[in-house]
Structures are given as structure tokens and as C-alpha cells.
């Protein structure tokens, strides 16, 4: 009977460890930061941004100056 009570307490501690949002968050942040997919997405977004800024700059150059 005593072991059952201790087992429950250990299970609760294990559950707390697996459901701690800060631990999961830090693992996910690390994975997102260092995964090749994250870098690939960031690179693609940078290319899109650069392309759109280039188009804006070209339009600005063409526009008549006041």
C-alpha cells in the first residue's frame, strides 16, 4: 500500500515534467531555430522581401519628382 502512494507521487512528478510548457517551448524554439526547414523558410521570405523592395525602388525611381 505504501509503495502505491509513492508511485502516484512519482507519476505526478513525471507528468509535471512532461507537461511543463517552458521545457516544451525551449525545445521547440531550439528546433525551429536550427532546423534546415526554418532556415529555408527564412531564406525564402528574405528573397520575397528583397524582390518586393526592389520593385518598390524601381517604381520610386520612375516616378516624377516634385
C-alpha atoms as a PDB file:
ATOM      1  CA  UNK A   1       0.000   0.000   0.000  1.00  0.00           C
ATOM      2  CA  UNK A   2       2.794   2.418   0.848  1.00  0.00           C
ATOM      3  CA  UNK A   3       4.504   1.824  -2.491  1.00  0.00           C
ATOM      4  CA  UNK A   4       1.304   2.633  -4.327  1.00  0.00           C
ATOM      5  CA  UNK A   5       1.166   6.058  -2.721  1.00  0.00           C
ATOM      6  CA  UNK A   6       4.789   6.733  -3.584  1.00  0.00           C
ATOM      7  CA  UNK A   7       4.190   5.548  -7.122  1.00  0.00           C
ATOM      8  CA  UNK A   8       1.373   8.009  -7.519  1.00  0.00           C
ATOM      9  CA  UNK A   9       3.579  10.832  -6.319  1.00  0.00           C
ATOM     10  CA  UNK A  10       6.327   9.828  -8.748  1.00  0.00           C
ATOM     11  CA  UNK A  11       3.839   9.651 -11.596  1.00  0.00           C
ATOM     12  CA  UNK A  12       2.590  13.123 -10.779  1.00  0.00           C
ATOM     13  CA  UNK A  13       6.150  14.450 -10.844  1.00  0.00           C
ATOM     14  CA  UNK A  14       6.773  12.736 -14.183  1.00  0.00           C
ATOM     15  CA  UNK A  15       3.545  14.187 -15.562  1.00  0.00           C
ATOM     16  CA  UNK A  16       4.628  17.641 -14.427  1.00  0.00           C
ATOM     17  CA  UNK A  17       7.972  17.208 -16.180  1.00  0.00           C
ATOM     18  CA  UNK A  18       6.340  16.277 -19.475  1.00  0.00           C
ATOM     19  CA  UNK A  19       3.665  18.949 -19.327  1.00  0.00           C
ATOM     20  CA  UNK A  20       5.903  21.816 -18.271  1.00  0.00           C
ATOM     21  CA  UNK A  21       5.255  24.398 -21.012  1.00  0.00           C
ATOM     22  CA  UNK A  22       8.658  26.039 -20.588  1.00  0.00           C
ATOM     23  CA  UNK A  23      10.548  22.818 -21.313  1.00  0.00           C
ATOM     24  CA  UNK A  24       8.499  22.101 -24.420  1.00  0.00           C
ATOM     25  CA  UNK A  25       8.784  25.708 -25.557  1.00  0.00           C
ATOM     26  CA  UNK A  26      12.565  25.754 -25.279  1.00  0.00           C
ATOM     27  CA  UNK A  27      12.889  22.504 -27.221  1.00  0.00           C
ATOM     28  CA  UNK A  28      10.581  23.781 -29.955  1.00  0.00           C
ATOM     29  CA  UNK A  29      12.409  27.119 -30.138  1.00  0.00           C
ATOM     30  CA  UNK A  30      15.733  25.334 -30.484  1.00  0.00           C
ATOM     31  CA  UNK A  31      14.378  23.028 -33.186  1.00  0.00           C
ATOM     32  CA  UNK A  32      12.782  25.875 -35.124  1.00  0.00           C
ATOM     33  CA  UNK A  33      15.926  27.966 -34.907  1.00  0.00           C
ATOM     34  CA  UNK A  34      18.354  25.292 -36.013  1.00  0.00           C
ATOM     35  CA  UNK A  35      16.309  23.124 -38.347  1.00  0.00           C
ATOM     36  CA  UNK A  36      17.118  23.358 -42.024  1.00  0.00           C
ATOM     37  CA  UNK A  37      13.447  23.879 -42.801  1.00  0.00           C
ATOM     38  CA  UNK A  38      13.357  27.007 -40.635  1.00  0.00           C
ATOM     39  CA  UNK A  39      16.443  28.414 -42.362  1.00  0.00           C
ATOM     40  CA  UNK A  40      14.955  27.564 -45.748  1.00  0.00           C
ATOM     41  CA  UNK A  41      11.706  29.358 -44.914  1.00  0.00           C
ATOM     42  CA  UNK A  42      13.587  32.376 -43.614  1.00  0.00           C
ATOM     43  CA  UNK A  43      15.709  32.488 -46.774  1.00  0.00           C
ATOM     44  CA  UNK A  44      12.596  32.302 -48.975  1.00  0.00           C
ATOM     45  CA  UNK A  45      10.938  35.106 -47.015  1.00  0.00           C
ATOM     46  CA  UNK A  46      14.090  37.202 -47.350  1.00  0.00           C
ATOM     47  CA  UNK A  47      14.078  36.643 -51.118  1.00  0.00           C
ATOM     48  CA  UNK A  48      10.432  37.692 -51.343  1.00  0.00           C
ATOM     49  CA  UNK A  49      11.131  40.785 -49.262  1.00  0.00           C
ATOM     50  CA  UNK A  50      14.150  41.723 -51.384  1.00  0.00           C
ATOM     51  CA  UNK A  51      12.182  41.254 -54.594  1.00  0.00           C
ATOM     52  CA  UNK A  52       9.304  43.408 -53.386  1.00  0.00           C
ATOM     53  CA  UNK A  53      11.654  46.137 -52.126  1.00  0.00           C
ATOM     54  CA  UNK A  54      13.450  46.117 -55.493  1.00  0.00           C
ATOM     55  CA  UNK A  55      10.134  46.613 -57.289  1.00  0.00           C
ATOM     56  CA  UNK A  56       9.199  49.461 -54.954  1.00  0.00           C
ATOM     57  CA  UNK A  57      12.575  51.073 -55.507  1.00  0.00           C
ATOM     58  CA  UNK A  58      12.223  50.787 -59.303  1.00  0.00           C
ATOM     59  CA  UNK A  59       8.786  52.426 -59.146  1.00  0.00           C
ATOM     60  CA  UNK A  60      10.169  55.186 -56.964  1.00  0.00           C
ATOM     61  CA  UNK A  61      12.951  55.877 -59.463  1.00  0.00           C
ATOM     62  CA  UNK A  62      10.441  56.053 -62.344  1.00  0.00           C
ATOM     63  CA  UNK A  63       8.067  58.404 -60.547  1.00  0.00           C
ATOM     64  CA  UNK A  64       8.274  62.107 -61.396  1.00  0.00           C
ATOM     65  CA  UNK A  65       9.954  64.155 -58.748  1.00  0.00           C
ATOM     66  CA  UNK A  66       8.124  67.201 -57.395  1.00  0.00           C
END
